[in-house]
Amino acid sequence: MTTESLEGLESAEGRLAAARSLAYHVFAGLFEYPDGPQAEAIRSGALAGKLRQALVAVDPSVDEAADWEALGEAGEGDDLAVEFTRLFDVGSGAPPCPLHGGLYGGARMKTMEEAVRFYNFFGLTLSETPRELPDHLITQLEFLHFLAFREAQALESGSDAGAWQRAQRDFVGRHPGRWVPQLLARLEKEEPMPFFRELVGRLAGFLEDEARRLAEAAPAA
């Protein structure tokens, strides 16, 4: 669920939607398993720099609010990978901070089925890998990246972006906007490395802002 970048946009609305689309895509990448290359991209500040660029384009106040230094702290060696496993991959029955939305509030099958209906409605399908489960955070963020991208295209061409905005409004509210705050609450109890605390906290704040912005752009009937 990725798209090519949009460049040279003329409208302010289109640029904003493109920045939001990029933010979703970068957030998704930051939740990949931090193996050697991923850890090095974090340690070098490359990934934090991409996220900073996107989030500041959406809301300049984030530049001072975020702890960008924490988003570049990968520790030594495989510290980040070990911490990722501790938080998100292991545990009795389930990890302490699962990245699958269906594990928050029960009725996981219903949650996944609803997410699949969203994806299929827009002609998207998932590959047969655990990471591509419909309730996984990366899958859901990439879907929102796709929707915001299409919104940017519509705004730039002067066509109606309402359908893309309504889809984002509904999906954020029913999926990551619902359970990422719960993920953050669980994470804080685990005393995580600063990188993960700031990453999840920044995502929760971004989704809260998105829910508010989308409610204004596409108010419910």
N, C-alpha and C. Protein backbone atom coordinates (compact mmCIF):
# COMPACT_ATOMS: atom_id res chain seq x y z
N MET A 1 0.83 -1.19 0.00
CA MET A 1 0.00 0.00 0.00
C MET A 1 0.87 1.25 0.00
N THR A 2 1.65 1.42 -1.02
CA THR A 2 2.46 2.61 -1.10
C THR A 2 2.16 3.32 -2.40
N THR A 3 2.54 4.59 -2.46
CA THR A 3 2.29 5.39 -3.66
C THR A 3 3.53 6.20 -3.96
N GLU A 4 3.63 6.65 -5.17
CA GLU A 4 4.72 7.54 -5.53
C GLU A 4 4.49 8.90 -4.87
N SER A 5 5.54 9.70 -4.76
CA SER A 5 5.41 10.99 -4.08
C SER A 5 4.74 12.00 -5.00
N LEU A 6 4.10 12.96 -4.38
CA LEU A 6 3.50 14.06 -5.12
C LEU A 6 4.44 15.27 -5.02
N GLU A 7 4.85 15.80 -6.14
CA GLU A 7 5.77 16.93 -6.14
C GLU A 7 5.16 18.08 -6.93
N GLY A 8 5.58 19.29 -6.59
CA GLY A 8 5.15 20.46 -7.34
C GLY A 8 3.69 20.81 -7.18
N LEU A 9 3.11 20.49 -6.04
CA LEU A 9 1.70 20.81 -5.83
C LEU A 9 1.51 22.32 -5.69
N GLU A 10 0.47 22.82 -6.30
CA GLU A 10 0.25 24.27 -6.31
C GLU A 10 -0.68 24.73 -5.20
N SER A 11 -1.65 23.90 -4.82
CA SER A 11 -2.63 24.34 -3.83
C SER A 11 -2.13 24.06 -2.41
N ALA A 12 -2.45 24.96 -1.48
CA ALA A 12 -2.07 24.76 -0.08
C ALA A 12 -2.76 23.52 0.49
N GLU A 13 -4.02 23.30 0.09
CA GLU A 13 -4.75 22.14 0.58
C GLU A 13 -4.11 20.84 0.09
N GLY A 14 -3.68 20.84 -1.17
CA GLY A 14 -3.02 19.66 -1.72
C GLY A 14 -1.70 19.38 -1.04
N ARG A 15 -0.94 20.44 -0.76
CA ARG A 15 0.35 20.27 -0.08
C ARG A 15 0.15 19.73 1.33
N LEU A 16 -0.89 20.21 2.01
CA LEU A 16 -1.16 19.73 3.36
C LEU A 16 -1.52 18.24 3.34
N ALA A 17 -2.40 17.84 2.43
CA ALA A 17 -2.77 16.43 2.34
C ALA A 17 -1.57 15.57 1.98
N ALA A 18 -0.69 16.07 1.10
CA ALA A 18 0.50 15.31 0.73
C ALA A 18 1.44 15.17 1.93
N ALA A 19 1.57 16.22 2.73
CA ALA A 19 2.42 16.15 3.92
C ALA A 19 1.86 15.15 4.92
N ARG A 20 0.55 15.12 5.06
CA ARG A 20 -0.08 14.15 5.96
C ARG A 20 0.12 12.73 5.45
N SER A 21 -0.01 12.56 4.14
CA SER A 21 0.23 11.25 3.53
C SER A 21 1.65 10.79 3.81
N LEU A 22 2.61 11.69 3.66
CA LEU A 22 4.00 11.34 3.92
C LEU A 22 4.22 11.00 5.39
N ALA A 23 3.57 11.74 6.28
CA ALA A 23 3.71 11.46 7.71
C ALA A 23 3.24 10.05 8.03
N TYR A 24 2.10 9.64 7.49
CA TYR A 24 1.63 8.29 7.72
C TYR A 24 2.64 7.25 7.22
N HIS A 25 3.19 7.50 6.05
CA HIS A 25 4.15 6.57 5.46
C HIS A 25 5.42 6.46 6.31
N VAL A 26 5.92 7.58 6.80
CA VAL A 26 7.13 7.56 7.62
C VAL A 26 6.86 6.90 8.97
N PHE A 27 5.72 7.20 9.56
CA PHE A 27 5.35 6.53 10.81
C PHE A 27 5.33 5.01 10.60
N ALA A 28 4.73 4.56 9.50
CA ALA A 28 4.68 3.12 9.23
C ALA A 28 6.08 2.54 9.16
N GLY A 29 6.98 3.23 8.50
CA GLY A 29 8.35 2.73 8.40
C GLY A 29 9.06 2.66 9.73
N LEU A 30 8.75 3.56 10.63
CA LEU A 30 9.40 3.59 11.94
C LEU A 30 8.94 2.44 12.84
N PHE A 31 7.84 1.79 12.50
CA PHE A 31 7.37 0.65 13.27
C PHE A 31 7.82 -0.68 12.68
N GLU A 32 8.69 -0.63 11.67
CA GLU A 32 9.30 -1.86 11.17
C GLU A 32 10.25 -2.42 12.23
N TYR A 33 10.49 -3.73 12.18
CA TYR A 33 11.44 -4.34 13.11
C TYR A 33 12.81 -3.68 12.92
N PRO A 34 13.42 -3.17 14.00
CA PRO A 34 14.68 -2.42 13.86
C PRO A 34 15.90 -3.32 13.77
N ASP A 35 16.06 -3.95 12.61
CA ASP A 35 17.26 -4.75 12.37
C ASP A 35 18.44 -3.82 12.10
N GLY A 36 19.54 -4.35 11.61
CA GLY A 36 20.74 -3.52 11.41
C GLY A 36 20.53 -2.26 10.61
N PRO A 37 20.08 -2.37 9.35
CA PRO A 37 19.88 -1.17 8.54
C PRO A 37 18.84 -0.21 9.12
N GLN A 38 17.76 -0.75 9.68
CA GLN A 38 16.73 0.10 10.27
C GLN A 38 17.28 0.84 11.49
N ALA A 39 18.02 0.11 12.34
CA ALA A 39 18.61 0.74 13.53
C ALA A 39 19.59 1.83 13.12
N GLU A 40 20.35 1.59 12.07
CA GLU A 40 21.31 2.59 11.62
C GLU A 40 20.62 3.83 11.07
N ALA A 41 19.49 3.63 10.36
CA ALA A 41 18.73 4.77 9.85
C ALA A 41 18.15 5.59 10.99
N ILE A 42 17.80 4.92 12.08
CA ILE A 42 17.32 5.63 13.27
C ILE A 42 18.48 6.35 13.95
N ARG A 43 19.58 5.62 14.14
CA ARG A 43 20.75 6.18 14.83
C ARG A 43 21.32 7.38 14.10
N SER A 44 21.28 7.36 12.79
CA SER A 44 21.83 8.46 12.00
C SER A 44 20.93 9.69 12.01
N GLY A 45 19.69 9.51 12.45
CA GLY A 45 18.73 10.61 12.43
C GLY A 45 17.98 10.74 11.12
N ALA A 46 18.24 9.82 10.17
CA ALA A 46 17.60 9.93 8.85
C ALA A 46 16.10 9.79 8.95
N LEU A 47 15.63 8.79 9.69
CA LEU A 47 14.18 8.57 9.79
C LEU A 47 13.51 9.67 10.60
N ALA A 48 14.17 10.10 11.67
CA ALA A 48 13.61 11.21 12.46
C ALA A 48 13.52 12.47 11.62
N GLY A 49 14.52 12.68 10.75
CA GLY A 49 14.51 13.85 9.88
C GLY A 49 13.34 13.83 8.91
N LYS A 50 13.03 12.65 8.37
CA LYS A 50 11.90 12.54 7.45
C LYS A 50 10.59 12.79 8.18
N LEU A 51 10.47 12.24 9.38
CA LEU A 51 9.24 12.45 10.14
C LEU A 51 9.09 13.92 10.52
N ARG A 52 10.18 14.52 10.91
CA ARG A 52 10.16 15.95 11.29
C ARG A 52 9.71 16.81 10.12
N GLN A 53 10.25 16.54 8.95
CA GLN A 53 9.88 17.30 7.77
C GLN A 53 8.38 17.21 7.50
N ALA A 54 7.84 15.99 7.58
CA ALA A 54 6.42 15.80 7.28
C ALA A 54 5.53 16.43 8.34
N LEU A 55 5.85 16.18 9.62
CA LEU A 55 4.98 16.68 10.70
C LEU A 55 5.01 18.20 10.80
N VAL A 56 6.17 18.80 10.60
CA VAL A 56 6.26 20.26 10.67
C VAL A 56 5.52 20.90 9.50
N ALA A 57 5.50 20.22 8.35
CA ALA A 57 4.73 20.73 7.21
C ALA A 57 3.24 20.72 7.52
N VAL A 58 2.81 19.77 8.35
CA VAL A 58 1.40 19.70 8.74
C VAL A 58 1.10 20.70 9.85
N ASP A 59 1.99 20.78 10.84
CA ASP A 59 1.78 21.65 12.01
C ASP A 59 3.13 22.13 12.52
N PRO A 60 3.52 23.37 12.21
CA PRO A 60 4.83 23.88 12.61
C PRO A 60 5.10 23.84 14.11
N SER A 61 4.06 23.83 14.95
CA SER A 61 4.26 23.82 16.39
C SER A 61 4.89 22.52 16.87
N VAL A 62 4.79 21.47 16.06
CA VAL A 62 5.37 20.18 16.44
C VAL A 62 6.89 20.27 16.56
N ASP A 63 7.49 21.19 15.84
CA ASP A 63 8.95 21.27 15.82
C ASP A 63 9.51 21.45 17.23
N GLU A 64 8.86 22.26 18.04
CA GLU A 64 9.33 22.49 19.40
C GLU A 64 8.74 21.49 20.39
N ALA A 65 7.60 20.93 20.07
CA ALA A 65 6.93 20.01 21.00
C ALA A 65 7.57 18.63 21.03
N ALA A 66 8.11 18.18 19.90
CA ALA A 66 8.63 16.81 19.81
C ALA A 66 10.04 16.71 20.36
N ASP A 67 10.38 15.53 20.84
CA ASP A 67 11.74 15.23 21.31
C ASP A 67 12.47 14.52 20.17
N TRP A 68 13.03 15.31 19.27
CA TRP A 68 13.68 14.73 18.10
C TRP A 68 14.93 13.96 18.47
N GLU A 69 15.58 14.36 19.55
CA GLU A 69 16.78 13.64 20.00
C GLU A 69 16.42 12.20 20.39
N ALA A 70 15.29 12.03 21.07
CA ALA A 70 14.85 10.69 21.46
C ALA A 70 14.59 9.82 20.24
N LEU A 71 14.09 10.42 19.17
CA LEU A 71 13.80 9.65 17.96
C LEU A 71 15.05 9.26 17.19
N GLY A 72 16.21 9.68 17.68
CA GLY A 72 17.48 9.26 17.09
C GLY A 72 18.28 8.37 18.02
N GLU A 73 17.69 7.97 19.14
CA GLU A 73 18.38 7.13 20.12
C GLU A 73 18.09 5.66 19.84
N ALA A 74 19.07 4.98 19.30
CA ALA A 74 18.92 3.55 19.00
C ALA A 74 19.71 2.68 19.95
N GLY A 75 20.37 3.29 20.93
CA GLY A 75 21.17 2.51 21.86
C GLY A 75 22.40 1.93 21.20
N GLU A 76 22.92 0.87 21.80
CA GLU A 76 24.10 0.21 21.26
C GLU A 76 23.72 -1.14 20.66
N GLY A 77 24.43 -1.54 19.63
CA GLY A 77 24.23 -2.86 19.05
C GLY A 77 22.78 -3.12 18.70
N ASP A 78 22.26 -4.22 19.26
CA ASP A 78 20.88 -4.60 18.96
C ASP A 78 19.91 -4.19 20.07
N ASP A 79 20.26 -3.15 20.84
CA ASP A 79 19.40 -2.70 21.93
C ASP A 79 17.97 -2.43 21.47
N LEU A 80 17.86 -1.74 20.35
CA LEU A 80 16.53 -1.35 19.87
C LEU A 80 15.72 -2.57 19.45
N ALA A 81 16.37 -3.54 18.82
CA ALA A 81 15.67 -4.76 18.39
C ALA A 81 15.21 -5.56 19.60
N VAL A 82 16.05 -5.65 20.62
CA VAL A 82 15.67 -6.37 21.83
C VAL A 82 14.49 -5.70 22.50
N GLU A 83 14.50 -4.38 22.54
CA GLU A 83 13.41 -3.64 23.15
C GLU A 83 12.12 -3.79 22.34
N PHE A 84 12.24 -3.75 21.03
CA PHE A 84 11.08 -3.95 20.16
C PHE A 84 10.43 -5.30 20.46
N THR A 85 11.26 -6.33 20.56
CA THR A 85 10.74 -7.67 20.85
C THR A 85 10.07 -7.72 22.21
N ARG A 86 10.70 -7.12 23.21
CA ARG A 86 10.12 -7.12 24.56
C ARG A 86 8.76 -6.45 24.58
N LEU A 87 8.63 -5.34 23.90
CA LEU A 87 7.39 -4.57 23.95
C LEU A 87 6.30 -5.12 23.05
N PHE A 88 6.66 -5.48 21.84
CA PHE A 88 5.66 -5.72 20.80
C PHE A 88 5.53 -7.17 20.32
N ASP A 89 6.50 -8.02 20.66
CA ASP A 89 6.52 -9.35 20.05
C ASP A 89 6.36 -10.53 21.01
N VAL A 90 6.63 -10.37 22.29
CA VAL A 90 6.59 -11.51 23.20
C VAL A 90 5.68 -11.22 24.39
N GLY A 91 5.40 -12.26 25.15
CA GLY A 91 4.57 -12.11 26.33
C GLY A 91 3.73 -13.35 26.52
N SER A 92 3.08 -13.47 27.63
CA SER A 92 2.22 -14.61 27.93
C SER A 92 0.87 -14.41 27.24
N GLY A 93 0.68 -15.11 26.12
CA GLY A 93 -0.54 -14.98 25.36
C GLY A 93 -0.47 -13.86 24.34
N ALA A 94 0.04 -12.73 24.74
CA ALA A 94 0.19 -11.58 23.84
C ALA A 94 1.28 -10.68 24.41
N PRO A 95 1.98 -9.93 23.57
CA PRO A 95 3.00 -9.01 24.10
C PRO A 95 2.35 -7.93 24.94
N PRO A 96 3.12 -7.24 25.79
CA PRO A 96 2.52 -6.21 26.63
C PRO A 96 1.93 -5.04 25.84
N CYS A 97 2.49 -4.80 24.65
CA CYS A 97 2.04 -3.66 23.84
C CYS A 97 1.86 -4.10 22.39
N PRO A 98 0.85 -4.90 22.11
CA PRO A 98 0.68 -5.43 20.75
C PRO A 98 0.43 -4.32 19.73
N LEU A 99 0.89 -4.58 18.51
CA LEU A 99 0.69 -3.64 17.41
C LEU A 99 -0.49 -4.04 16.54
N HIS A 100 -1.37 -4.88 17.06
CA HIS A 100 -2.58 -5.31 16.36
C HIS A 100 -3.80 -4.72 17.06
N GLY A 101 -4.53 -3.89 16.35
CA GLY A 101 -5.66 -3.19 16.95
C GLY A 101 -6.74 -4.09 17.47
N GLY A 102 -6.91 -5.27 16.86
CA GLY A 102 -7.95 -6.18 17.29
C GLY A 102 -7.72 -6.77 18.66
N LEU A 103 -6.52 -6.60 19.21
CA LEU A 103 -6.21 -7.09 20.55
C LEU A 103 -6.56 -6.08 21.63
N TYR A 104 -7.12 -4.96 21.22
CA TYR A 104 -7.55 -3.93 22.17
C TYR A 104 -9.08 -3.89 22.16
N GLY A 105 -9.70 -4.41 23.19
CA GLY A 105 -11.15 -4.34 23.30
C GLY A 105 -11.90 -5.56 22.82
N GLY A 106 -11.18 -6.65 22.51
CA GLY A 106 -11.86 -7.87 22.12
C GLY A 106 -12.41 -7.81 20.70
N ALA A 107 -13.14 -8.86 20.34
CA ALA A 107 -13.78 -8.96 19.01
C ALA A 107 -12.77 -8.72 17.90
N ARG A 108 -11.63 -9.41 17.98
CA ARG A 108 -10.58 -9.17 16.98
C ARG A 108 -11.03 -9.53 15.58
N MET A 109 -11.74 -10.66 15.44
CA MET A 109 -12.16 -11.07 14.10
C MET A 109 -13.06 -10.02 13.47
N LYS A 110 -13.96 -9.46 14.25
CA LYS A 110 -14.84 -8.41 13.74
C LYS A 110 -14.05 -7.18 13.33
N THR A 111 -13.05 -6.84 14.15
CA THR A 111 -12.20 -5.69 13.83
C THR A 111 -11.46 -5.91 12.52
N MET A 112 -10.90 -7.10 12.34
CA MET A 112 -10.16 -7.38 11.12
C MET A 112 -11.08 -7.41 9.90
N GLU A 113 -12.25 -7.99 10.06
CA GLU A 113 -13.18 -8.04 8.94
C GLU A 113 -13.60 -6.64 8.51
N GLU A 114 -13.83 -5.77 9.47
CA GLU A 114 -14.21 -4.40 9.12
C GLU A 114 -13.08 -3.68 8.40
N ALA A 115 -11.84 -3.88 8.87
CA ALA A 115 -10.69 -3.25 8.21
C ALA A 115 -10.56 -3.76 6.78
N VAL A 116 -10.75 -5.05 6.58
CA VAL A 116 -10.66 -5.63 5.23
C VAL A 116 -11.71 -5.01 4.31
N ARG A 117 -12.89 -4.76 4.83
CA ARG A 117 -13.93 -4.13 4.00
C ARG A 117 -13.49 -2.74 3.54
N PHE A 118 -12.84 -2.00 4.43
CA PHE A 118 -12.30 -0.70 4.04
C PHE A 118 -11.31 -0.88 2.89
N TYR A 119 -10.36 -1.79 3.06
CA TYR A 119 -9.31 -1.98 2.06
C TYR A 119 -9.91 -2.42 0.72
N ASN A 120 -10.80 -3.40 0.79
CA ASN A 120 -11.37 -3.93 -0.45
C ASN A 120 -12.21 -2.91 -1.19
N PHE A 121 -12.89 -2.04 -0.44
CA PHE A 121 -13.72 -1.02 -1.08
C PHE A 121 -12.88 -0.14 -2.00
N PHE A 122 -11.62 0.08 -1.62
CA PHE A 122 -10.74 0.92 -2.44
C PHE A 122 -9.82 0.09 -3.32
N GLY A 123 -10.17 -1.19 -3.51
CA GLY A 123 -9.44 -2.03 -4.43
C GLY A 123 -8.10 -2.52 -3.93
N LEU A 124 -7.91 -2.54 -2.62
CA LEU A 124 -6.63 -2.94 -2.04
C LEU A 124 -6.75 -4.32 -1.42
N THR A 125 -5.70 -5.12 -1.57
CA THR A 125 -5.63 -6.44 -0.96
C THR A 125 -4.35 -6.56 -0.17
N LEU A 126 -4.30 -7.54 0.73
CA LEU A 126 -3.15 -7.76 1.59
C LEU A 126 -2.40 -9.01 1.17
N SER A 127 -1.09 -8.98 1.37
CA SER A 127 -0.30 -10.18 1.09
C SER A 127 -0.43 -11.16 2.25
N GLU A 128 -0.01 -12.38 2.02
CA GLU A 128 -0.17 -13.44 3.02
C GLU A 128 1.03 -13.46 3.97
N THR A 129 1.24 -12.39 4.72
CA THR A 129 2.31 -12.34 5.70
C THR A 129 1.76 -11.80 7.00
N PRO A 130 2.34 -12.19 8.16
CA PRO A 130 1.84 -11.69 9.45
C PRO A 130 1.83 -10.18 9.53
N ARG A 131 2.83 -9.53 8.95
CA ARG A 131 2.89 -8.08 9.02
C ARG A 131 1.74 -7.42 8.30
N GLU A 132 1.16 -8.15 7.35
CA GLU A 132 0.08 -7.58 6.55
C GLU A 132 -1.30 -7.94 7.09
N LEU A 133 -1.40 -8.42 8.33
CA LEU A 133 -2.71 -8.64 8.90
C LEU A 133 -3.48 -7.33 8.92
N PRO A 134 -4.78 -7.36 8.68
CA PRO A 134 -5.54 -6.12 8.50
C PRO A 134 -5.58 -5.20 9.71
N ASP A 135 -5.34 -5.75 10.91
CA ASP A 135 -5.37 -4.90 12.10
C ASP A 135 -3.99 -4.48 12.56
N HIS A 136 -2.94 -4.82 11.79
CA HIS A 136 -1.59 -4.41 12.19
C HIS A 136 -1.41 -2.92 11.98
N LEU A 137 -0.68 -2.30 12.87
CA LEU A 137 -0.51 -0.85 12.81
C LEU A 137 0.11 -0.40 11.50
N ILE A 138 1.13 -1.10 11.02
CA ILE A 138 1.77 -0.69 9.77
C ILE A 138 0.78 -0.73 8.62
N THR A 139 -0.01 -1.78 8.55
CA THR A 139 -1.01 -1.90 7.49
C THR A 139 -1.99 -0.74 7.54
N GLN A 140 -2.44 -0.40 8.73
CA GLN A 140 -3.43 0.66 8.87
C GLN A 140 -2.83 2.03 8.55
N LEU A 141 -1.59 2.26 8.94
CA LEU A 141 -0.95 3.54 8.62
C LEU A 141 -0.70 3.67 7.12
N GLU A 142 -0.33 2.58 6.46
CA GLU A 142 -0.12 2.64 5.01
C GLU A 142 -1.44 2.88 4.28
N PHE A 143 -2.52 2.35 4.81
CA PHE A 143 -3.83 2.61 4.21
C PHE A 143 -4.18 4.09 4.31
N LEU A 144 -3.92 4.70 5.45
CA LEU A 144 -4.18 6.12 5.61
C LEU A 144 -3.24 6.96 4.74
N HIS A 145 -2.03 6.49 4.57
CA HIS A 145 -1.10 7.13 3.63
C HIS A 145 -1.70 7.14 2.23
N PHE A 146 -2.27 6.02 1.82
CA PHE A 146 -2.91 5.91 0.51
C PHE A 146 -4.10 6.86 0.39
N LEU A 147 -4.96 6.88 1.40
CA LEU A 147 -6.15 7.73 1.34
C LEU A 147 -5.79 9.21 1.28
N ALA A 148 -4.82 9.62 2.10
CA ALA A 148 -4.41 11.03 2.09
C ALA A 148 -3.74 11.40 0.77
N PHE A 149 -3.02 10.45 0.19
CA PHE A 149 -2.43 10.67 -1.13
C PHE A 149 -3.51 10.93 -2.18
N ARG A 150 -4.56 10.10 -2.15
CA ARG A 150 -5.65 10.30 -3.10
C ARG A 150 -6.39 11.60 -2.84
N GLU A 151 -6.50 11.97 -1.58
CA GLU A 151 -7.09 13.26 -1.25
C GLU A 151 -6.27 14.39 -1.87
N ALA A 152 -4.95 14.30 -1.75
CA ALA A 152 -4.08 15.33 -2.32
C ALA A 152 -4.25 15.41 -3.83
N GLN A 153 -4.33 14.27 -4.48
CA GLN A 153 -4.54 14.27 -5.92
C GLN A 153 -5.85 14.96 -6.29
N ALA A 154 -6.91 14.64 -5.54
CA ALA A 154 -8.22 15.23 -5.84
C ALA A 154 -8.20 16.73 -5.64
N LEU A 155 -7.61 17.17 -4.54
CA LEU A 155 -7.55 18.61 -4.26
C LEU A 155 -6.74 19.34 -5.33
N GLU A 156 -5.67 18.73 -5.77
CA GLU A 156 -4.82 19.38 -6.76
C GLU A 156 -5.51 19.48 -8.11
N SER A 157 -6.33 18.49 -8.43
CA SER A 157 -7.01 18.49 -9.73
C SER A 157 -8.31 19.28 -9.71
N GLY A 158 -8.72 19.74 -8.52
CA GLY A 158 -9.96 20.49 -8.41
C GLY A 158 -11.19 19.61 -8.33
N SER A 159 -11.01 18.31 -8.15
CA SER A 159 -12.17 17.41 -8.04
C SER A 159 -12.56 17.26 -6.57
N ASP A 160 -13.65 16.58 -6.32
CA ASP A 160 -14.19 16.44 -4.97
C ASP A 160 -13.34 15.47 -4.15
N ALA A 161 -12.79 15.96 -3.05
CA ALA A 161 -11.96 15.13 -2.17
C ALA A 161 -12.76 14.55 -1.02
N GLY A 162 -14.07 14.82 -0.99
CA GLY A 162 -14.90 14.43 0.15
C GLY A 162 -14.88 12.95 0.47
N ALA A 163 -14.92 12.11 -0.56
CA ALA A 163 -14.96 10.66 -0.32
C ALA A 163 -13.69 10.20 0.37
N TRP A 164 -12.54 10.76 -0.03
CA TRP A 164 -11.26 10.38 0.59
C TRP A 164 -11.18 10.90 2.02
N GLN A 165 -11.71 12.09 2.24
CA GLN A 165 -11.69 12.65 3.59
C GLN A 165 -12.62 11.88 4.52
N ARG A 166 -13.79 11.51 4.04
CA ARG A 166 -14.73 10.75 4.87
C ARG A 166 -14.17 9.37 5.21
N ALA A 167 -13.50 8.76 4.24
CA ALA A 167 -12.90 7.44 4.50
C ALA A 167 -11.83 7.55 5.57
N GLN A 168 -11.02 8.59 5.50
CA GLN A 168 -10.00 8.78 6.53
C GLN A 168 -10.64 9.04 7.89
N ARG A 169 -11.65 9.90 7.90
CA ARG A 169 -12.34 10.22 9.16
C ARG A 169 -12.86 8.95 9.82
N ASP A 170 -13.54 8.11 9.04
CA ASP A 170 -14.14 6.90 9.59
C ASP A 170 -13.07 5.89 10.01
N PHE A 171 -12.03 5.75 9.19
CA PHE A 171 -11.02 4.73 9.49
C PHE A 171 -10.19 5.13 10.71
N VAL A 172 -9.80 6.39 10.79
CA VAL A 172 -9.06 6.84 11.97
C VAL A 172 -9.89 6.61 13.23
N GLY A 173 -11.16 7.01 13.18
CA GLY A 173 -12.00 6.91 14.36
C GLY A 173 -12.27 5.48 14.79
N ARG A 174 -12.39 4.56 13.84
CA ARG A 174 -12.76 3.18 14.15
C ARG A 174 -11.55 2.27 14.34
N HIS A 175 -10.39 2.73 13.91
CA HIS A 175 -9.22 1.84 13.98
C HIS A 175 -8.04 2.51 14.72
N PRO A 176 -7.00 3.01 14.10
CA PRO A 176 -5.86 3.44 14.91
C PRO A 176 -6.16 4.57 15.90
N GLY A 177 -7.06 5.47 15.54
CA GLY A 177 -7.40 6.54 16.48
C GLY A 177 -8.08 6.03 17.72
N ARG A 178 -8.68 4.85 17.62
CA ARG A 178 -9.34 4.23 18.77
C ARG A 178 -8.35 3.52 19.68
N TRP A 179 -7.41 2.77 19.09
CA TRP A 179 -6.60 1.90 19.94
C TRP A 179 -5.17 2.36 20.18
N VAL A 180 -4.62 3.26 19.37
CA VAL A 180 -3.25 3.72 19.63
C VAL A 180 -3.12 4.43 20.99
N PRO A 181 -4.12 5.21 21.43
CA PRO A 181 -4.01 5.76 22.79
C PRO A 181 -3.91 4.66 23.86
N GLN A 182 -4.57 3.54 23.65
CA GLN A 182 -4.45 2.42 24.58
C GLN A 182 -3.06 1.80 24.51
N LEU A 183 -2.52 1.71 23.30
CA LEU A 183 -1.15 1.25 23.12
C LEU A 183 -0.19 2.14 23.91
N LEU A 184 -0.37 3.45 23.80
CA LEU A 184 0.49 4.39 24.51
C LEU A 184 0.39 4.21 26.02
N ALA A 185 -0.82 4.02 26.54
CA ALA A 185 -1.00 3.84 27.98
C ALA A 185 -0.28 2.58 28.46
N ARG A 186 -0.37 1.51 27.69
CA ARG A 186 0.34 0.28 28.06
C ARG A 186 1.85 0.48 27.98
N LEU A 187 2.28 1.16 26.95
CA LEU A 187 3.71 1.37 26.74
C LEU A 187 4.34 2.13 27.90
N GLU A 188 3.66 3.15 28.36
CA GLU A 188 4.21 3.98 29.44
C GLU A 188 4.42 3.18 30.71
N LYS A 189 3.63 2.13 30.92
CA LYS A 189 3.79 1.28 32.10
C LYS A 189 5.01 0.38 31.99
N GLU A 190 5.52 0.20 30.78
CA GLU A 190 6.65 -0.70 30.55
C GLU A 190 8.00 0.01 30.63
N GLU A 191 8.00 1.30 30.88
CA GLU A 191 9.24 2.09 30.94
C GLU A 191 10.12 1.81 29.72
N PRO A 192 9.62 2.14 28.55
CA PRO A 192 10.34 1.81 27.30
C PRO A 192 11.54 2.72 27.06
N MET A 193 12.35 2.34 26.12
CA MET A 193 13.42 3.22 25.66
C MET A 193 12.80 4.51 25.14
N PRO A 194 13.52 5.64 25.27
CA PRO A 194 12.96 6.93 24.83
C PRO A 194 12.47 6.93 23.40
N PHE A 195 13.13 6.17 22.53
CA PHE A 195 12.71 6.14 21.13
C PHE A 195 11.26 5.70 20.99
N PHE A 196 10.91 4.59 21.63
CA PHE A 196 9.56 4.06 21.48
C PHE A 196 8.53 4.92 22.21
N ARG A 197 8.91 5.49 23.34
CA ARG A 197 7.98 6.37 24.05
C ARG A 197 7.63 7.58 23.19
N GLU A 198 8.64 8.18 22.59
CA GLU A 198 8.39 9.37 21.77
C GLU A 198 7.67 9.00 20.48
N LEU A 199 8.03 7.88 19.87
CA LEU A 199 7.41 7.47 18.62
C LEU A 199 5.91 7.24 18.80
N VAL A 200 5.54 6.44 19.79
CA VAL A 200 4.12 6.14 20.00
C VAL A 200 3.37 7.37 20.48
N GLY A 201 4.00 8.16 21.34
CA GLY A 201 3.37 9.39 21.81
C GLY A 201 3.14 10.38 20.68
N ARG A 202 4.11 10.48 19.79
CA ARG A 202 3.96 11.40 18.66
C ARG A 202 2.87 10.91 17.73
N LEU A 203 2.80 9.59 17.50
CA LEU A 203 1.75 9.06 16.64
C LEU A 203 0.37 9.28 17.25
N ALA A 204 0.23 9.03 18.55
CA ALA A 204 -1.06 9.23 19.21
C ALA A 204 -1.51 10.68 19.07
N GLY A 205 -0.59 11.62 19.25
CA GLY A 205 -0.93 13.03 19.09
C GLY A 205 -1.30 13.38 17.67
N PHE A 206 -0.59 12.80 16.71
CA PHE A 206 -0.90 13.05 15.30
C PHE A 206 -2.29 12.54 14.94
N LEU A 207 -2.63 11.34 15.41
CA LEU A 207 -3.94 10.77 15.12
C LEU A 207 -5.06 11.58 15.78
N GLU A 208 -4.80 12.09 16.97
CA GLU A 208 -5.79 12.94 17.63
C GLU A 208 -6.04 14.21 16.81
N ASP A 209 -4.96 14.81 16.32
CA ASP A 209 -5.10 16.00 15.47
C ASP A 209 -5.80 15.66 14.16
N GLU A 210 -5.49 14.49 13.61
CA GLU A 210 -6.13 14.07 12.37
C GLU A 210 -7.63 13.89 12.55
N ALA A 211 -8.03 13.27 13.66
CA ALA A 211 -9.46 13.07 13.91
C ALA A 211 -10.19 14.41 13.96
N ARG A 212 -9.57 15.38 14.59
CA ARG A 212 -10.18 16.71 14.70
C ARG A 212 -10.23 17.40 13.33
N ARG A 213 -9.12 17.32 12.58
CA ARG A 213 -9.08 17.98 11.27
C ARG A 213 -10.08 17.34 10.32
N LEU A 214 -10.17 16.02 10.33
CA LEU A 214 -11.07 15.32 9.41
C LEU A 214 -12.52 15.53 9.77
N ALA A 215 -12.82 15.66 11.07
CA ALA A 215 -14.19 15.95 11.48
C ALA A 215 -14.63 17.31 10.97
N GLU A 216 -13.70 18.24 10.89
CA GLU A 216 -14.02 19.57 10.36
C GLU A 216 -14.12 19.55 8.84
N ALA A 217 -13.21 18.79 8.18
CA ALA A 217 -13.21 18.76 6.72
C ALA A 217 -14.39 17.97 6.17
N ALA A 218 -14.77 16.90 6.88
CA ALA A 218 -15.87 16.04 6.42
C ALA A 218 -16.79 15.72 7.59
N PRO A 219 -17.57 16.71 8.03
CA PRO A 219 -18.44 16.47 9.19
C PRO A 219 -19.46 15.38 8.91
N ALA A 220 -19.74 14.60 9.95
CA ALA A 220 -20.73 13.53 9.82
C ALA A 220 -22.11 14.12 9.58
N ALA A 221 -22.91 13.42 8.81
CA ALA A 221 -24.25 13.91 8.48
C ALA A 221 -25.14 13.89 9.72
